[in-house]
N, C-alpha and C. Protein backbone atom coordinates (compact mmCIF):
# COMPACT_ATOMS: atom_id res chain seq x y z
N MET A 1 17.72 -21.24 -22.91
CA MET A 1 17.15 -20.77 -23.25
C MET A 1 17.05 -19.07 -22.98
N LYS A 2 16.97 -18.40 -24.14
CA LYS A 2 17.28 -16.96 -24.30
C LYS A 2 15.56 -16.56 -24.07
N VAL A 3 15.88 -14.95 -23.25
CA VAL A 3 14.82 -14.31 -22.98
C VAL A 3 15.17 -13.09 -22.66
N ILE A 4 14.13 -12.49 -22.94
CA ILE A 4 14.27 -11.02 -22.83
C ILE A 4 13.40 -10.50 -21.23
N LEU A 5 14.07 -9.69 -20.46
CA LEU A 5 13.68 -9.46 -18.96
C LEU A 5 13.00 -8.34 -19.53
N THR A 6 11.49 -8.03 -18.88
CA THR A 6 10.76 -7.29 -18.97
C THR A 6 10.40 -6.61 -17.51
N LYS A 7 11.43 -6.73 -16.43
CA LYS A 7 11.38 -6.01 -15.31
C LYS A 7 13.02 -6.41 -14.96
N ASN A 8 13.41 -5.64 -13.71
CA ASN A 8 14.65 -5.69 -13.12
C ASN A 8 14.44 -7.12 -12.30
N VAL A 9 14.59 -8.02 -12.59
CA VAL A 9 14.99 -9.66 -11.41
C VAL A 9 16.57 -9.65 -10.96
N PRO A 10 16.46 -9.05 -9.38
CA PRO A 10 17.59 -9.58 -8.79
C PRO A 10 18.71 -10.71 -9.15
N LYS A 11 19.50 -10.10 -8.93
CA LYS A 11 20.67 -11.44 -9.52
C LYS A 11 20.38 -11.93 -10.49
N ILE A 12 19.68 -11.79 -11.60
CA ILE A 12 19.46 -12.46 -12.74
C ILE A 12 20.03 -11.23 -13.75
N GLY A 13 19.06 -10.15 -14.10
CA GLY A 13 19.74 -9.41 -14.62
C GLY A 13 18.37 -8.02 -14.76
N ASN A 14 18.76 -6.59 -15.63
CA ASN A 14 18.18 -5.43 -15.61
C ASN A 14 17.26 -5.22 -16.82
N LYS A 15 16.15 -4.45 -16.47
CA LYS A 15 14.96 -4.79 -17.63
C LYS A 15 15.87 -4.43 -18.95
N TYR A 16 14.95 -5.08 -20.01
CA TYR A 16 15.43 -5.25 -21.53
C TYR A 16 16.88 -6.13 -21.79
N GLN A 17 17.18 -6.73 -21.01
CA GLN A 17 18.55 -7.89 -21.13
C GLN A 17 18.30 -8.63 -21.25
N VAL A 18 19.31 -9.09 -22.83
CA VAL A 18 18.84 -10.33 -22.96
C VAL A 18 20.02 -11.31 -22.38
N ILE A 19 19.33 -12.48 -22.04
CA ILE A 19 19.99 -13.43 -20.95
C ILE A 19 19.85 -14.75 -21.79
N THR A 20 20.69 -15.55 -21.04
CA THR A 20 20.17 -17.30 -21.17
C THR A 20 20.36 -17.81 -19.98
N VAL A 21 18.74 -18.46 -19.75
CA VAL A 21 18.68 -19.21 -18.23
C VAL A 21 18.14 -20.63 -18.69
N ALA A 22 17.85 -21.54 -17.92
CA ALA A 22 17.20 -22.72 -17.50
C ALA A 22 15.88 -22.69 -18.51
N ASP A 23 15.36 -24.02 -18.78
CA ASP A 23 14.00 -24.05 -19.75
C ASP A 23 13.06 -23.78 -18.74
N GLY A 24 13.76 -24.41 -17.65
CA GLY A 24 12.46 -24.85 -16.39
C GLY A 24 12.48 -23.28 -15.65
N TYR A 25 13.44 -22.82 -15.74
CA TYR A 25 13.36 -21.80 -14.84
C TYR A 25 12.37 -20.59 -15.60
N ALA A 26 12.82 -20.50 -16.79
CA ALA A 26 11.83 -19.74 -17.75
C ALA A 26 10.49 -19.84 -17.83
N ALA A 27 10.15 -21.01 -18.10
CA ALA A 27 8.74 -21.53 -18.17
C ALA A 27 7.73 -21.27 -16.72
N ASN A 28 8.55 -21.96 -15.63
CA ASN A 28 8.12 -21.49 -13.82
C ASN A 28 8.17 -20.85 -13.56
N PHE A 29 8.68 -19.61 -13.25
CA PHE A 29 9.10 -18.53 -12.84
C PHE A 29 9.18 -17.57 -13.59
N LEU A 30 10.00 -17.23 -14.58
CA LEU A 30 10.16 -16.04 -15.09
C LEU A 30 8.82 -15.45 -16.22
N PHE A 31 8.72 -16.94 -17.05
CA PHE A 31 7.24 -16.37 -18.08
C PHE A 31 5.71 -16.27 -16.98
N PRO A 32 5.49 -16.89 -16.09
CA PRO A 32 4.60 -16.70 -15.12
C PRO A 32 4.41 -15.77 -15.01
N ASN A 33 5.98 -15.14 -14.19
CA ASN A 33 5.30 -14.26 -13.33
C ASN A 33 5.58 -12.99 -14.12
N ARG A 34 5.68 -12.41 -15.56
CA ARG A 34 5.59 -11.54 -16.11
C ARG A 34 7.04 -11.03 -15.97
N LEU A 35 8.26 -11.64 -15.80
CA LEU A 35 9.55 -10.97 -15.76
C LEU A 35 10.29 -11.17 -16.92
N ALA A 36 9.61 -11.50 -18.03
CA ALA A 36 10.49 -12.50 -18.93
C ALA A 36 9.53 -12.62 -20.04
N GLU A 37 10.35 -12.38 -21.12
CA GLU A 37 9.38 -13.44 -22.65
C GLU A 37 10.69 -13.91 -23.43
N GLN A 38 10.01 -14.57 -24.44
CA GLN A 38 11.56 -15.74 -25.58
C GLN A 38 11.29 -14.86 -26.03
N ALA A 39 13.05 -14.63 -26.74
CA ALA A 39 13.64 -13.65 -27.49
C ALA A 39 13.97 -13.56 -28.68
N THR A 40 12.49 -13.76 -29.01
CA THR A 40 12.38 -14.28 -30.57
C THR A 40 12.66 -12.81 -31.43
N GLN A 41 12.94 -13.20 -32.42
CA GLN A 41 13.30 -11.90 -33.76
C GLN A 41 12.80 -10.47 -33.66
N SER A 42 11.20 -11.09 -33.81
CA SER A 42 10.62 -9.69 -33.95
C SER A 42 10.30 -8.86 -32.00
N ALA A 43 10.58 -9.78 -30.94
CA ALA A 43 10.59 -9.54 -29.76
C ALA A 43 11.63 -7.95 -29.38
N LEU A 44 13.33 -9.03 -30.03
CA LEU A 44 14.60 -8.43 -29.81
C LEU A 44 14.00 -6.67 -30.38
N VAL A 45 13.51 -6.65 -32.06
CA VAL A 45 13.47 -5.59 -32.63
C VAL A 45 12.75 -4.78 -31.88
N ARG A 46 11.30 -4.70 -31.25
CA ARG A 46 10.37 -4.66 -30.23
C ARG A 46 11.02 -4.25 -29.16
N VAL A 47 11.61 -4.53 -28.50
CA VAL A 47 12.17 -4.15 -27.42
C VAL A 47 13.64 -2.78 -27.77
N GLU A 48 14.73 -3.10 -28.71
CA GLU A 48 15.38 -2.10 -29.30
C GLU A 48 14.34 -0.66 -29.30
N LYS A 49 13.20 -0.68 -29.82
CA LYS A 49 12.37 0.10 -29.82
C LYS A 49 12.05 0.84 -28.54
N LEU A 50 11.73 0.11 -27.77
CA LEU A 50 11.00 0.66 -26.60
C LEU A 50 12.32 1.10 -25.50
N MET A 51 13.22 0.26 -25.64
CA MET A 51 14.50 1.30 -24.98
C MET A 51 15.10 2.47 -25.51
N ALA A 52 14.95 2.80 -26.63
CA ALA A 52 15.34 4.10 -27.42
C ALA A 52 14.63 5.08 -27.05
N GLU A 53 13.10 4.57 -26.91
CA GLU A 53 11.75 5.77 -26.71
C GLU A 53 12.11 5.91 -25.16
N GLU A 54 12.59 4.78 -24.44
CA GLU A 54 13.18 4.93 -23.13
C GLU A 54 13.86 6.24 -22.28
N LYS A 55 15.03 5.72 -23.23
CA LYS A 55 15.93 6.31 -23.13
C LYS A 55 16.07 7.89 -23.18
N ALA A 56 14.96 8.19 -24.53
CA ALA A 56 14.85 9.69 -25.21
C ALA A 56 13.90 10.26 -23.77
N GLN A 57 13.00 9.87 -23.43
CA GLN A 57 12.33 9.95 -22.04
C GLN A 57 12.61 10.31 -21.30
N LYS A 58 13.82 9.78 -20.40
CA LYS A 58 15.27 9.61 -19.60
C LYS A 58 15.45 11.52 -20.06
N SER A 59 15.93 11.56 -21.14
CA SER A 59 16.80 11.95 -21.36
C SER A 59 15.92 13.81 -21.21
N ILE A 60 14.90 13.76 -21.74
CA ILE A 60 13.59 14.68 -21.86
C ILE A 60 13.48 15.55 -20.08
N ARG A 61 13.09 14.29 -19.05
CA ARG A 61 12.88 14.72 -18.02
C ARG A 61 14.30 14.98 -17.27
N GLU A 62 15.27 14.42 -17.58
CA GLU A 62 16.87 15.07 -17.12
C GLU A 62 17.01 16.09 -17.49
N ASP A 63 16.79 16.63 -18.55
CA ASP A 63 16.89 17.96 -18.80
C ASP A 63 16.19 19.12 -18.28
N LEU A 64 14.74 18.80 -18.14
CA LEU A 64 13.52 19.36 -17.48
C LEU A 64 13.83 20.03 -15.87
N LEU A 65 14.50 18.47 -15.50
CA LEU A 65 14.87 18.43 -13.66
C LEU A 65 15.82 19.32 -13.57
N ILE A 66 16.98 19.46 -14.54
CA ILE A 66 18.54 20.69 -14.18
C ILE A 66 17.73 21.76 -14.20
N LYS A 67 16.46 22.30 -15.35
CA LYS A 67 16.25 23.36 -15.75
C LYS A 67 15.56 24.27 -14.11
N ASN A 68 15.02 23.36 -13.63
CA ASN A 68 14.49 23.31 -12.33
C ASN A 68 14.75 22.67 -11.17
N LEU A 69 16.08 22.84 -11.01
CA LEU A 69 16.56 22.41 -9.73
C LEU A 69 17.02 23.47 -8.61
N LYS A 70 16.82 24.56 -8.99
CA LYS A 70 16.85 25.55 -8.59
C LYS A 70 15.38 25.94 -7.43
N GLN A 71 14.49 24.93 -8.01
CA GLN A 71 13.47 25.06 -7.32
C GLN A 71 13.41 24.26 -5.63
N ILE A 72 14.33 23.44 -6.58
CA ILE A 72 14.73 21.92 -4.96
C ILE A 72 15.32 22.59 -3.87
N ASP A 73 16.68 23.61 -4.43
CA ASP A 73 17.68 24.32 -3.26
C ASP A 73 16.62 25.04 -2.20
N GLY A 74 17.35 24.22 -1.03
CA GLY A 74 17.01 25.07 -0.14
C GLY A 74 15.38 24.89 0.02
N VAL A 75 14.67 23.65 0.08
CA VAL A 75 13.09 23.17 0.40
C VAL A 75 13.40 22.82 1.63
N LYS A 76 12.33 22.77 2.15
CA LYS A 76 12.30 21.92 3.55
C LYS A 76 11.14 21.12 3.85
N ILE A 77 11.55 20.03 3.98
CA ILE A 77 10.50 18.54 3.90
C ILE A 77 10.12 18.25 5.46
N GLU A 78 8.93 17.80 5.44
CA GLU A 78 8.85 17.46 6.96
C GLU A 78 7.76 15.88 6.74
N VAL A 79 8.79 15.23 7.83
CA VAL A 79 8.43 13.76 7.45
C VAL A 79 7.93 13.00 8.94
N THR A 80 7.19 12.34 9.18
CA THR A 80 6.19 11.86 10.53
C THR A 80 6.74 10.14 10.41
N GLU A 81 7.65 9.71 12.04
CA GLU A 81 7.65 8.37 11.61
C GLU A 81 7.61 7.96 13.40
N LYS A 82 7.60 6.95 13.08
CA LYS A 82 7.47 6.33 14.56
C LYS A 82 9.05 6.35 15.28
N ALA A 83 9.55 6.25 16.82
CA ALA A 83 10.71 6.67 16.73
C ALA A 83 10.69 6.33 18.64
N ASN A 84 11.25 5.54 19.06
CA ASN A 84 11.96 5.74 20.12
C ASN A 84 12.22 6.64 21.04
N ALA A 85 12.53 6.61 22.36
CA ALA A 85 12.53 7.78 23.19
C ALA A 85 13.97 8.47 23.41
N LYS A 86 15.14 7.60 22.35
CA LYS A 86 16.01 8.59 22.09
C LYS A 86 16.28 8.70 20.52
N GLY A 87 15.55 8.76 20.03
CA GLY A 87 15.14 9.64 18.67
C GLY A 87 15.59 8.77 17.69
N HIS A 88 15.29 7.47 18.06
CA HIS A 88 16.22 6.78 16.27
C HIS A 88 14.96 5.59 15.93
N LEU A 89 14.62 5.80 14.82
CA LEU A 89 13.54 5.53 14.20
C LEU A 89 13.24 4.15 13.89
N PHE A 90 12.01 3.55 14.37
CA PHE A 90 11.95 1.84 14.09
C PHE A 90 12.21 1.49 12.54
N ALA A 91 12.17 2.32 11.73
CA ALA A 91 11.98 1.92 10.22
C ALA A 91 12.65 3.56 9.73
N GLY A 92 14.18 3.02 8.73
CA GLY A 92 14.51 4.25 8.49
C GLY A 92 13.65 5.21 7.04
N VAL A 93 13.82 6.06 6.71
CA VAL A 93 12.96 6.83 5.71
C VAL A 93 14.41 6.94 4.29
N HIS A 94 13.63 6.17 3.42
CA HIS A 94 14.33 5.75 2.39
C HIS A 94 13.96 6.46 0.97
N LYS A 95 14.38 6.67 -0.03
CA LYS A 95 14.36 7.86 -0.63
C LYS A 95 13.00 7.58 -1.45
N ASP A 96 11.88 6.38 -1.70
CA ASP A 96 10.96 6.41 -1.77
C ASP A 96 9.78 7.25 -1.14
N VAL A 97 10.34 7.33 0.35
CA VAL A 97 9.32 8.09 0.95
C VAL A 97 9.66 9.49 0.96
N LEU A 98 10.79 9.85 0.13
CA LEU A 98 11.06 11.62 -0.31
C LEU A 98 10.37 11.89 -1.45
N ILE A 99 10.25 11.06 -2.04
CA ILE A 99 10.10 11.40 -3.43
C ILE A 99 8.86 12.17 -3.49
N PRO A 100 7.77 11.28 -2.76
CA PRO A 100 6.44 12.12 -2.98
C PRO A 100 5.98 13.31 -2.25
N ALA A 101 7.42 13.46 -1.11
CA ALA A 101 7.00 14.53 0.09
C ALA A 101 7.42 15.55 -0.96
N LEU A 102 8.68 15.56 -1.90
CA LEU A 102 9.54 16.45 -2.48
C LEU A 102 8.42 17.03 -3.81
N LYS A 103 8.03 15.90 -4.54
CA LYS A 103 7.07 16.39 -5.65
C LYS A 103 5.62 17.14 -5.01
N GLU A 104 5.49 16.65 -4.05
CA GLU A 104 4.13 17.89 -3.20
C GLU A 104 4.67 19.19 -3.28
N GLN A 105 5.77 19.65 -2.53
CA GLN A 105 5.99 20.53 -2.27
C GLN A 105 6.67 21.71 -3.97
N THR A 106 7.47 20.90 -4.76
CA THR A 106 7.96 21.39 -5.81
C THR A 106 7.54 21.27 -7.58
N ARG A 107 6.44 19.82 -7.20
CA ARG A 107 5.75 19.23 -8.77
C ARG A 107 6.57 18.79 -9.56
N LEU A 108 8.03 18.85 -9.32
CA LEU A 108 8.58 17.70 -10.16
C LEU A 108 8.89 16.53 -9.40
N ASP A 109 8.71 15.80 -11.00
CA ASP A 109 9.16 14.02 -11.04
C ASP A 109 10.63 13.92 -10.70
N ILE A 110 11.27 13.31 -9.61
CA ILE A 110 12.24 13.43 -9.41
C ILE A 110 12.75 11.38 -9.16
N ASP A 111 13.14 11.14 -9.99
CA ASP A 111 13.35 9.33 -9.96
C ASP A 111 14.71 9.17 -8.99
N ALA A 112 14.19 8.21 -8.06
CA ALA A 112 15.02 7.54 -7.27
C ALA A 112 17.04 8.14 -7.23
N GLU A 113 17.30 7.95 -8.70
CA GLU A 113 18.43 7.34 -8.91
C GLU A 113 19.11 9.07 -8.77
N HIS A 114 18.57 10.17 -8.71
CA HIS A 114 18.74 11.31 -8.89
C HIS A 114 19.25 11.97 -7.07
N ILE A 115 18.39 11.10 -5.91
CA ILE A 115 18.40 11.55 -4.76
C ILE A 115 19.72 11.05 -4.73
N VAL A 116 20.62 11.68 -3.78
CA VAL A 116 22.01 10.69 -3.03
C VAL A 116 21.82 10.94 -1.86
N LEU A 117 21.54 9.39 -1.26
CA LEU A 117 21.15 9.10 0.42
C LEU A 117 22.13 7.59 0.18
N ASP A 118 23.39 7.64 0.83
CA ASP A 118 24.52 6.60 1.15
C ASP A 118 23.19 5.56 1.87
N LYS A 119 22.39 5.97 3.07
CA LYS A 119 21.95 5.00 3.77
C LYS A 119 20.49 5.62 4.27
N PRO A 120 19.61 4.78 4.70
CA PRO A 120 18.07 5.40 5.10
C PRO A 120 18.49 6.37 6.18
N LEU A 121 17.56 7.13 6.41
CA LEU A 121 17.60 8.36 7.54
C LEU A 121 17.41 7.59 9.14
N LYS A 122 17.96 7.27 9.57
CA LYS A 122 17.35 6.58 11.34
C LYS A 122 17.30 7.54 12.47
N GLU A 123 17.32 8.71 12.12
CA GLU A 123 17.90 9.74 13.62
C GLU A 123 16.41 10.92 13.15
N VAL A 124 16.05 11.15 14.21
CA VAL A 124 14.56 11.88 14.27
C VAL A 124 15.65 13.65 14.05
N GLY A 125 15.50 14.44 13.55
CA GLY A 125 16.22 15.95 13.22
C GLY A 125 15.87 16.32 11.78
N GLU A 126 16.81 17.33 11.47
CA GLU A 126 17.09 17.94 10.63
C GLU A 126 18.14 17.24 9.59
N HIS A 127 17.86 17.20 7.84
CA HIS A 127 18.57 16.31 7.60
C HIS A 127 19.42 16.70 6.34
N LYS A 128 20.33 17.27 5.94
CA LYS A 128 20.25 17.54 4.02
C LYS A 128 21.12 16.74 3.43
N VAL A 129 19.78 16.27 2.29
CA VAL A 129 19.61 15.45 1.20
C VAL A 129 19.96 16.19 -0.23
N THR A 130 21.47 15.70 -0.72
CA THR A 130 21.45 16.36 -2.26
C THR A 130 20.64 15.81 -3.35
N VAL A 131 20.32 16.77 -4.49
CA VAL A 131 19.85 15.85 -5.54
C VAL A 131 20.64 16.34 -6.47
N LYS A 132 21.10 15.15 -7.12
CA LYS A 132 22.42 14.95 -8.30
C LYS A 132 21.91 14.76 -10.14
N VAL A 133 21.60 15.56 -10.35
CA VAL A 133 21.44 15.26 -11.98
C VAL A 133 22.75 15.74 -12.62
N GLN A 134 23.21 14.61 -13.58
CA GLN A 134 24.46 14.46 -14.12
C GLN A 134 25.28 15.44 -13.40
N ASP A 135 25.63 16.60 -13.71
CA ASP A 135 26.73 17.23 -12.98
C ASP A 135 26.60 18.67 -12.22
N LYS A 136 24.98 18.27 -11.78
CA LYS A 136 24.45 19.86 -10.91
C LYS A 136 23.91 19.11 -10.15
N THR A 137 23.88 20.04 -8.63
CA THR A 137 23.53 19.49 -7.49
C THR A 137 22.46 20.43 -6.88
N ALA A 138 21.78 19.98 -5.87
CA ALA A 138 21.02 21.33 -5.34
C ALA A 138 20.81 20.13 -3.53
N THR A 139 20.63 21.10 -2.82
CA THR A 139 20.44 20.50 -1.47
C THR A 139 18.72 20.90 -1.04
N PHE A 140 18.07 19.91 -0.67
CA PHE A 140 17.13 20.20 0.67
C PHE A 140 16.75 19.18 2.05
N THR A 141 16.09 20.51 2.74
CA THR A 141 16.55 19.56 3.88
C THR A 141 14.98 18.84 4.15
N VAL A 142 15.62 17.70 5.09
CA VAL A 142 14.18 16.71 5.45
C VAL A 142 14.66 17.17 6.81
N ASN A 143 13.19 17.26 7.29
CA ASN A 143 13.02 17.37 9.26
C ASN A 143 11.59 16.11 9.62
N ILE A 144 12.65 15.47 10.37
CA ILE A 144 12.06 14.34 10.60
C ILE A 144 11.33 14.67 11.97
N LEU A 145 10.10 14.18 12.19
CA LEU A 145 9.45 14.23 13.72
C LEU A 145 9.16 12.87 14.11
N ALA A 146 9.17 12.70 15.27
CA ALA A 146 8.91 11.69 15.66
C ALA A 146 7.12 11.45 16.11
N ALA A 147 6.31 9.94 15.76
CA ALA A 147 4.95 10.53 15.85
C ALA A 147 5.08 10.15 17.42
C-alpha cells in the first residue's frame, strides 16, 4: 500500500515522503498513530502544496537568521544540570536544551539543524557551540553549572 508520511518515522522515512508499506503495517500502526495517510491523488496534490509552503517558510526563517546572526556571536548561556563530584553530567546537554536558552537571550528562532553539536555536552564548564546557516557561522558560549 502506498502511504504519505505525515511525520518523520525512524527507519521508515521522512515527513511528506511517499513510501510503500505492507497493508497491515499501515492499517495497524501508521494510520492509528497518525503517522501516515493513504496516498490518493488529492492527498498527493495537497502534500505537494504543503511541501512548497514549508520550504518557503524555511527559506524566510533562514534569511532572517542570517541577517541576525551577529546577535548570536559572543552570547553566553548558563545551563544547570546534575553532575557527579568529578564534574561529569548524568545527562548530556542536547540541542533541544540550548535552543530555548538561546531564544530567551537573543529572541531568535533557531532550528536544531543549524546548531553544530557533534555529541551532547557531558562536562561542567564552558563550551563553545557554533550556529551555521548556509555558509555563515556564529559562535556562542554555554556555561554548564552543576546542580
